Amino acid sequence: MATNLALDDALLDEALALGGLKTKRETVNTALAEFIRRRRASEIIELFGTVPYDDDYDYKRLREQR
């Protein structure tokens, strides 16, 4: 899909250099993928402490049953 974007050239050049990538397209796609990964990771981190913990769960005992 062709899209025209007005990007900050200085930011794009810095990202291109830091990423060691060859094209602007590759740099933008990599940046978008990293942005998505980080956002999803932060959503998972927010779940810490919200999942109920079963005090009776014993993974070692479950291994012995196999």
PDB file of N, CA and C in Angstrom:
ATOM      1  N   MET A   1       0.850  -1.163   0.000  1.00  0.00           N
ATOM      2  CA  MET A   1       0.000   0.000   0.000  1.00  0.00           C
ATOM      3  C   MET A   1       0.902   1.234   0.000  1.00  0.00           C
ATOM      4  N   ALA A   2       0.747   2.054  -0.983  1.00  0.00           N
ATOM      5  CA  ALA A   2       1.537   3.275  -1.072  1.00  0.00           C
ATOM      6  C   ALA A   2       0.950   4.327  -0.144  1.00  0.00           C
ATOM      7  N   THR A   3       1.838   4.936   0.650  1.00  0.00           N
ATOM      8  CA  THR A   3       1.420   5.965   1.593  1.00  0.00           C
ATOM      9  C   THR A   3       2.460   7.066   1.592  1.00  0.00           C
ATOM     10  N   ASN A   4       2.004   8.285   1.531  1.00  0.00           N
ATOM     11  CA  ASN A   4       2.908   9.425   1.623  1.00  0.00           C
ATOM     12  C   ASN A   4       2.882   9.937   3.050  1.00  0.00           C
ATOM     13  N   LEU A   5       4.067  10.066   3.641  1.00  0.00           N
ATOM     14  CA  LEU A   5       4.178  10.537   5.015  1.00  0.00           C
ATOM     15  C   LEU A   5       5.169  11.691   5.079  1.00  0.00           C
ATOM     16  N   ALA A   6       4.864  12.656   5.913  1.00  0.00           N
ATOM     17  CA  ALA A   6       5.809  13.739   6.180  1.00  0.00           C
ATOM     18  C   ALA A   6       6.565  13.349   7.442  1.00  0.00           C
ATOM     19  N   LEU A   7       7.777  12.834   7.262  1.00  0.00           N
ATOM     20  CA  LEU A   7       8.582  12.354   8.380  1.00  0.00           C
ATOM     21  C   LEU A   7       9.699  13.343   8.691  1.00  0.00           C
ATOM     22  N   ASP A   8      10.097  13.366   9.941  1.00  0.00           N
ATOM     23  CA  ASP A   8      11.221  14.189  10.371  1.00  0.00           C
ATOM     24  C   ASP A   8      12.492  13.538   9.819  1.00  0.00           C
ATOM     25  N   ASP A   9      13.155  14.227   8.898  1.00  0.00           N
ATOM     26  CA  ASP A   9      14.345  13.670   8.236  1.00  0.00           C
ATOM     27  C   ASP A   9      15.466  13.359   9.217  1.00  0.00           C
ATOM     28  N   ALA A  10      15.638  14.203  10.226  1.00  0.00           N
ATOM     29  CA  ALA A  10      16.712  13.976  11.199  1.00  0.00           C
ATOM     30  C   ALA A  10      16.447  12.696  11.988  1.00  0.00           C
ATOM     31  N   LEU A  11      15.195  12.503  12.417  1.00  0.00           N
ATOM     32  CA  LEU A  11      14.847  11.272  13.148  1.00  0.00           C
ATOM     33  C   LEU A  11      15.021  10.043  12.268  1.00  0.00           C
ATOM     34  N   LEU A  12      14.584  10.155  11.041  1.00  0.00           N
ATOM     35  CA  LEU A  12      14.690   9.020  10.127  1.00  0.00           C
ATOM     36  C   LEU A  12      16.145   8.676   9.849  1.00  0.00           C
ATOM     37  N   ASP A  13      16.970   9.687   9.642  1.00  0.00           N
ATOM     38  CA  ASP A  13      18.396   9.443   9.393  1.00  0.00           C
ATOM     39  C   ASP A  13      19.066   8.815  10.613  1.00  0.00           C
ATOM     40  N   GLU A  14      18.704   9.283  11.798  1.00  0.00           N
ATOM     41  CA  GLU A  14      19.291   8.714  13.017  1.00  0.00           C
ATOM     42  C   GLU A  14      18.849   7.265  13.207  1.00  0.00           C
ATOM     43  N   ALA A  15      17.567   6.990  12.971  1.00  0.00           N
ATOM     44  CA  ALA A  15      17.065   5.622  13.087  1.00  0.00           C
ATOM     45  C   ALA A  15      17.725   4.707  12.053  1.00  0.00           C
ATOM     46  N   LEU A  16      17.924   5.223  10.870  1.00  0.00           N
ATOM     47  CA  LEU A  16      18.582   4.468   9.803  1.00  0.00           C
ATOM     48  C   LEU A  16      20.004   4.098  10.223  1.00  0.00           C
ATOM     49  N   ALA A  17      20.713   5.055  10.803  1.00  0.00           N
ATOM     50  CA  ALA A  17      22.095   4.814  11.238  1.00  0.00           C
ATOM     51  C   ALA A  17      22.139   3.861  12.433  1.00  0.00           C
ATOM     52  N   LEU A  18      21.276   4.085  13.421  1.00  0.00           N
ATOM     53  CA  LEU A  18      21.270   3.235  14.610  1.00  0.00           C
ATOM     54  C   LEU A  18      20.860   1.802  14.290  1.00  0.00           C
ATOM     55  N   GLY A  19      19.915   1.664  13.393  1.00  0.00           N
ATOM     56  CA  GLY A  19      19.416   0.335  13.055  1.00  0.00           C
ATOM     57  C   GLY A  19      20.315  -0.421  12.097  1.00  0.00           C
ATOM     58  N   GLY A  20      21.208   0.285  11.458  1.00  0.00           N
ATOM     59  CA  GLY A  20      22.082  -0.361  10.486  1.00  0.00           C
ATOM     60  C   GLY A  20      21.306  -0.890   9.288  1.00  0.00           C
ATOM     61  N   LEU A  21      20.202  -0.240   8.991  1.00  0.00           N
ATOM     62  CA  LEU A  21      19.344  -0.685   7.894  1.00  0.00           C
ATOM     63  C   LEU A  21      19.717   0.053   6.612  1.00  0.00           C
ATOM     64  N   LYS A  22      19.277  -0.492   5.477  1.00  0.00           N
ATOM     65  CA  LYS A  22      19.704   0.062   4.200  1.00  0.00           C
ATOM     66  C   LYS A  22      18.720   1.042   3.590  1.00  0.00           C
ATOM     67  N   THR A  23      17.425   0.879   3.883  1.00  0.00           N
ATOM     68  CA  THR A  23      16.437   1.743   3.245  1.00  0.00           C
ATOM     69  C   THR A  23      15.542   2.412   4.283  1.00  0.00           C
ATOM     70  N   LYS A  24      14.935   3.501   3.862  1.00  0.00           N
ATOM     71  CA  LYS A  24      13.995   4.202   4.730  1.00  0.00           C
ATOM     72  C   LYS A  24      12.771   3.336   4.991  1.00  0.00           C
ATOM     73  N   ARG A  25      12.331   2.625   3.968  1.00  0.00           N
ATOM     74  CA  ARG A  25      11.168   1.742   4.115  1.00  0.00           C
ATOM     75  C   ARG A  25      11.441   0.671   5.174  1.00  0.00           C
ATOM     76  N   GLU A  26      12.602   0.055   5.108  1.00  0.00           N
ATOM     77  CA  GLU A  26      12.983  -0.972   6.077  1.00  0.00           C
ATOM     78  C   GLU A  26      13.074  -0.378   7.488  1.00  0.00           C
ATOM     79  N   THR A  27      13.579   0.845   7.581  1.00  0.00           N
ATOM     80  CA  THR A  27      13.691   1.518   8.869  1.00  0.00           C
ATOM     81  C   THR A  27      12.320   1.795   9.469  1.00  0.00           C
ATOM     82  N   VAL A  28      11.399   2.312   8.677  1.00  0.00           N
ATOM     83  CA  VAL A  28      10.056   2.621   9.172  1.00  0.00           C
ATOM     84  C   VAL A  28       9.329   1.341   9.559  1.00  0.00           C
ATOM     85  N   ASN A  29       9.436   0.301   8.741  1.00  0.00           N
ATOM     86  CA  ASN A  29       8.764  -0.969   9.064  1.00  0.00           C
ATOM     87  C   ASN A  29       9.336  -1.590  10.337  1.00  0.00           C
ATOM     88  N   THR A  30      10.645  -1.523  10.516  1.00  0.00           N
ATOM     89  CA  THR A  30      11.275  -2.043  11.727  1.00  0.00           C
ATOM     90  C   THR A  30      10.837  -1.236  12.948  1.00  0.00           C
ATOM     91  N   ALA A  31      10.777   0.075  12.798  1.00  0.00           N
ATOM     92  CA  ALA A  31      10.342   0.931  13.905  1.00  0.00           C
ATOM     93  C   ALA A  31       8.892   0.630  14.290  1.00  0.00           C
ATOM     94  N   LEU A  32       8.032   0.434  13.307  1.00  0.00           N
ATOM     95  CA  LEU A  32       6.633   0.109  13.593  1.00  0.00           C
ATOM     96  C   LEU A  32       6.512  -1.243  14.297  1.00  0.00           C
ATOM     97  N   ALA A  33       7.266  -2.224  13.827  1.00  0.00           N
ATOM     98  CA  ALA A  33       7.229  -3.555  14.454  1.00  0.00           C
ATOM     99  C   ALA A  33       7.719  -3.485  15.899  1.00  0.00           C
ATOM    100  N   GLU A  34       8.778  -2.721  16.142  1.00  0.00           N
ATOM    101  CA  GLU A  34       9.301  -2.581  17.503  1.00  0.00           C
ATOM    102  C   GLU A  34       8.301  -1.845  18.392  1.00  0.00           C
ATOM    103  N   PHE A  35       7.654  -0.834  17.860  1.00  0.00           N
ATOM    104  CA  PHE A  35       6.631  -0.095  18.598  1.00  0.00           C
ATOM    105  C   PHE A  35       5.505  -1.030  19.033  1.00  0.00           C
ATOM    106  N   ILE A  36       5.047  -1.871  18.114  1.00  0.00           N
ATOM    107  CA  ILE A  36       3.965  -2.815  18.414  1.00  0.00           C
ATOM    108  C   ILE A  36       4.413  -3.818  19.472  1.00  0.00           C
ATOM    109  N   ARG A  37       5.619  -4.374  19.337  1.00  0.00           N
ATOM    110  CA  ARG A  37       6.136  -5.333  20.324  1.00  0.00           C
ATOM    111  C   ARG A  37       6.195  -4.714  21.717  1.00  0.00           C
ATOM    112  N   ARG A  38       6.688  -3.496  21.793  1.00  0.00           N
ATOM    113  CA  ARG A  38       6.813  -2.832  23.098  1.00  0.00           C
ATOM    114  C   ARG A  38       5.444  -2.551  23.715  1.00  0.00           C
ATOM    115  N   ARG A  39       4.495  -2.133  22.919  1.00  0.00           N
ATOM    116  CA  ARG A  39       3.151  -1.858  23.440  1.00  0.00           C
ATOM    117  C   ARG A  39       2.493  -3.141  23.935  1.00  0.00           C
ATOM    118  N   ARG A  40       2.642  -4.219  23.177  1.00  0.00           N
ATOM    119  CA  ARG A  40       2.063  -5.499  23.597  1.00  0.00           C
ATOM    120  C   ARG A  40       2.736  -6.001  24.873  1.00  0.00           C
ATOM    121  N   ALA A  41       4.041  -5.817  24.969  1.00  0.00           N
ATOM    122  CA  ALA A  41       4.767  -6.241  26.168  1.00  0.00           C
ATOM    123  C   ALA A  41       4.293  -5.446  27.381  1.00  0.00           C
ATOM    124  N   SER A  42       4.062  -4.157  27.208  1.00  0.00           N
ATOM    125  CA  SER A  42       3.609  -3.350  28.341  1.00  0.00           C
ATOM    126  C   SER A  42       2.203  -3.755  28.770  1.00  0.00           C
ATOM    127  N   GLU A  43       1.374  -4.196  27.817  1.00  0.00           N
ATOM    128  CA  GLU A  43       0.039  -4.687  28.169  1.00  0.00           C
ATOM    129  C   GLU A  43       0.135  -5.964  28.999  1.00  0.00           C
ATOM    130  N   ILE A  44       1.078  -6.824  28.662  1.00  0.00           N
ATOM    131  CA  ILE A  44       1.278  -8.072  29.411  1.00  0.00           C
ATOM    132  C   ILE A  44       1.791  -7.759  30.808  1.00  0.00           C
ATOM    133  N   ILE A  45       2.713  -6.805  30.908  1.00  0.00           N
ATOM    134  CA  ILE A  45       3.263  -6.436  32.213  1.00  0.00           C
ATOM    135  C   ILE A  45       2.169  -5.921  33.137  1.00  0.00           C
ATOM    136  N   GLU A  46       1.188  -5.220  32.583  1.00  0.00           N
ATOM    137  CA  GLU A  46       0.080  -4.712  33.394  1.00  0.00           C
ATOM    138  C   GLU A  46      -0.739  -5.844  34.007  1.00  0.00           C
ATOM    139  N   LEU A  47      -0.682  -7.035  33.424  1.00  0.00           N
ATOM    140  CA  LEU A  47      -1.429  -8.172  33.950  1.00  0.00           C
ATOM    141  C   LEU A  47      -0.756  -8.803  35.170  1.00  0.00           C
ATOM    142  N   PHE A  48       0.523  -8.514  35.378  1.00  0.00           N
ATOM    143  CA  PHE A  48       1.216  -9.094  36.528  1.00  0.00           C
ATOM    144  C   PHE A  48       0.483  -8.738  37.818  1.00  0.00           C
ATOM    145  N   GLY A  49       0.240  -9.745  38.609  1.00  0.00           N
ATOM    146  CA  GLY A  49      -0.437  -9.546  39.877  1.00  0.00           C
ATOM    147  C   GLY A  49      -1.945  -9.565  39.784  1.00  0.00           C
ATOM    148  N   THR A  50      -2.483  -9.655  38.570  1.00  0.00           N
ATOM    149  CA  THR A  50      -3.937  -9.661  38.422  1.00  0.00           C
ATOM    150  C   THR A  50      -4.491 -11.060  38.186  1.00  0.00           C
ATOM    151  N   VAL A  51      -3.616 -11.994  37.836  1.00  0.00           N
ATOM    152  CA  VAL A  51      -4.050 -13.372  37.604  1.00  0.00           C
ATOM    153  C   VAL A  51      -4.053 -14.101  38.948  1.00  0.00           C
ATOM    154  N   PRO A  52      -5.153 -14.733  39.288  1.00  0.00           N
ATOM    155  CA  PRO A  52      -5.199 -15.408  40.590  1.00  0.00           C
ATOM    156  C   PRO A  52      -4.169 -16.540  40.668  1.00  0.00           C
ATOM    157  N   TYR A  53      -3.543 -16.659  41.806  1.00  0.00           N
ATOM    158  CA  TYR A  53      -2.509 -17.665  42.033  1.00  0.00           C
ATOM    159  C   TYR A  53      -3.098 -18.796  42.862  1.00  0.00           C
ATOM    160  N   ASP A  54      -2.858 -20.020  42.431  1.00  0.00           N
ATOM    161  CA  ASP A  54      -3.357 -21.203  43.142  1.00  0.00           C
ATOM    162  C   ASP A  54      -2.276 -21.688  44.105  1.00  0.00           C
ATOM    163  N   ASP A  55      -2.509 -21.524  45.385  1.00  0.00           N
ATOM    164  CA  ASP A  55      -1.525 -21.926  46.392  1.00  0.00           C
ATOM    165  C   ASP A  55      -1.269 -23.431  46.391  1.00  0.00           C
ATOM    166  N   ASP A  56      -2.218 -24.225  45.909  1.00  0.00           N
ATOM    167  CA  ASP A  56      -2.080 -25.682  45.918  1.00  0.00           C
ATOM    168  C   ASP A  56      -1.356 -26.224  44.675  1.00  0.00           C
ATOM    169  N   TYR A  57      -1.027 -25.359  43.737  1.00  0.00           N
ATOM    170  CA  TYR A  57      -0.366 -25.801  42.508  1.00  0.00           C
ATOM    171  C   TYR A  57       1.054 -26.249  42.820  1.00  0.00           C
ATOM    172  N   ASP A  58       1.397 -27.468  42.395  1.00  0.00           N
ATOM    173  CA  ASP A  58       2.726 -28.014  42.636  1.00  0.00           C
ATOM    174  C   ASP A  58       3.234 -28.645  41.339  1.00  0.00           C
ATOM    175  N   TYR A  59       4.031 -27.892  40.592  1.00  0.00           N
ATOM    176  CA  TYR A  59       4.485 -28.382  39.296  1.00  0.00           C
ATOM    177  C   TYR A  59       5.378 -29.616  39.430  1.00  0.00           C
ATOM    178  N   LYS A  60       6.080 -29.747  40.540  1.00  0.00           N
ATOM    179  CA  LYS A  60       6.943 -30.915  40.731  1.00  0.00           C
ATOM    180  C   LYS A  60       6.094 -32.179  40.898  1.00  0.00           C
ATOM    181  N   ARG A  61       5.020 -32.063  41.627  1.00  0.00           N
ATOM    182  CA  ARG A  61       4.134 -33.208  41.823  1.00  0.00           C
ATOM    183  C   ARG A  61       3.492 -33.621  40.485  1.00  0.00           C
ATOM    184  N   LEU A  62       3.163 -32.639  39.676  1.00  0.00           N
ATOM    185  CA  LEU A  62       2.566 -32.919  38.364  1.00  0.00           C
ATOM    186  C   LEU A  62       3.560 -33.651  37.456  1.00  0.00           C
ATOM    187  N   ARG A  63       4.851 -33.341  37.562  1.00  0.00           N
ATOM    188  CA  ARG A  63       5.861 -34.033  36.765  1.00  0.00           C
ATOM    189  C   ARG A  63       5.937 -35.509  37.168  1.00  0.00           C
ATOM    190  N   GLU A  64       5.822 -35.798  38.450  1.00  0.00           N
ATOM    191  CA  GLU A  64       5.917 -37.150  38.941  1.00  0.00           C
ATOM    192  C   GLU A  64       4.756 -38.015  38.460  1.00  0.00           C
ATOM    193  N   GLN A  65       3.629 -37.399  38.183  1.00  0.00           N
ATOM    194  CA  GLN A  65       2.443 -38.139  37.768  1.00  0.00           C
ATOM    195  C   GLN A  65       2.530 -38.643  36.339  1.00  0.00           C
ATOM    196  N   ARG A  66       3.447 -38.118  35.565  1.00  0.00           N
ATOM    197  CA  ARG A  66       3.558 -38.518  34.149  1.00  0.00           C
ATOM    198  C   ARG A  66       4.095 -39.890  33.983  1.00  0.00           C
TER     199      ARG A  66
END
